[in-house]
Amino acid sequence: MVIYSIMPHEVIFSQTEEHPQKTQHITYRGQTLAVTQVAANQCRVDRIITTNLKAYLDPGLQPGTIIEYDIKTI
């Protein structure tokens, strides 16, 4: 992708978050998900990573959903 702009590339490609979140891949209800921990035992679904098409229709697995899952390694 080519961007034609008078703005310096540091401004265009600057990071918006000061502390980027750590994303981890977990298996939840038989599906692989990319999640970010938001509380002690709660995670926010960032992406669905599976080939099972029914997982994409499950409202409990949609991106942005908060799920109960204990990640001990974050």
Protein backbone atom coordinates (compact mmCIF):
# COMPACT_ATOMS: atom_id res chain seq x y z
CA MET A 1 0.00 0.00 0.00
CA VAL A 2 1.30 3.45 -0.90
CA ILE A 3 0.28 6.47 1.15
CA TYR A 4 0.77 9.90 -0.42
CA SER A 5 0.75 12.43 2.38
CA ILE A 6 2.57 15.51 3.62
CA MET A 7 2.41 14.13 7.17
CA PRO A 8 5.56 12.42 8.50
CA HIS A 9 5.35 8.65 8.68
CA GLU A 10 5.82 8.80 12.49
CA VAL A 11 2.46 10.55 12.77
CA ILE A 12 0.64 8.22 10.38
CA PHE A 13 2.00 4.99 11.84
CA SER A 14 2.14 5.99 15.51
CA GLN A 15 0.92 3.54 18.10
CA THR A 16 -2.39 4.57 19.66
CA GLU A 17 -1.99 2.40 22.76
CA GLU A 18 0.71 3.11 25.32
CA HIS A 19 0.61 -0.44 26.64
CA PRO A 20 -0.29 -2.94 23.93
CA GLN A 21 -2.37 -5.85 25.14
CA LYS A 22 -1.00 -9.38 25.05
CA THR A 23 -3.08 -11.63 22.84
CA GLN A 24 -3.08 -15.35 23.50
CA HIS A 25 -4.59 -18.26 21.63
CA ILE A 26 -6.78 -20.52 23.76
CA THR A 27 -9.15 -23.41 23.21
CA TYR A 28 -12.59 -22.52 24.57
CA ARG A 29 -15.61 -24.82 24.12
CA GLY A 30 -13.65 -26.75 21.48
CA GLN A 31 -12.81 -23.67 19.37
CA THR A 32 -9.51 -21.82 19.02
CA LEU A 33 -9.78 -18.13 19.92
CA ALA A 34 -7.41 -15.17 20.18
CA VAL A 35 -8.19 -13.44 23.48
CA THR A 36 -6.94 -10.60 25.67
CA GLN A 37 -7.18 -10.85 29.44
CA VAL A 38 -9.30 -8.06 30.95
CA ALA A 39 -9.68 -9.29 34.54
CA ALA A 40 -8.40 -12.06 36.81
CA ASN A 41 -10.49 -14.78 35.17
CA GLN A 42 -12.13 -12.95 32.27
CA CYS A 43 -10.97 -12.57 28.67
CA ARG A 44 -12.22 -10.56 25.71
CA VAL A 45 -12.50 -12.42 22.41
CA ASP A 46 -10.42 -10.65 19.75
CA ARG A 47 -10.63 -13.17 16.89
CA ILE A 48 -12.06 -16.58 16.10
CA ILE A 49 -9.38 -18.90 14.72
CA THR A 50 -11.07 -22.07 13.57
CA THR A 51 -12.29 -23.80 10.44
CA ASN A 52 -15.61 -24.73 12.03
CA LEU A 53 -18.17 -22.42 10.40
CA LYS A 54 -20.70 -22.88 13.21
CA ALA A 55 -18.31 -21.12 15.61
CA TYR A 56 -18.70 -17.88 13.63
CA LEU A 57 -22.47 -17.97 14.20
CA ASP A 58 -22.21 -18.62 17.95
CA PRO A 59 -23.02 -15.34 19.77
CA GLY A 60 -20.95 -16.47 22.76
CA LEU A 61 -17.78 -16.51 20.65
CA GLN A 62 -18.19 -13.25 18.74
CA PRO A 63 -15.32 -10.72 18.94
CA GLY A 64 -15.79 -8.32 21.83
CA THR A 65 -17.57 -10.90 24.00
CA ILE A 66 -16.25 -11.29 27.54
CA ILE A 67 -15.78 -14.96 28.48
CA GLU A 68 -14.94 -16.62 31.78
CA TYR A 69 -11.52 -18.24 31.33
CA ASP A 70 -8.53 -18.43 33.65
CA ILE A 71 -5.23 -17.70 31.88
CA LYS A 72 -2.38 -18.36 34.29
CA THR A 73 0.52 -17.40 31.98
CA ILE A 74 -0.32 -13.75 31.10
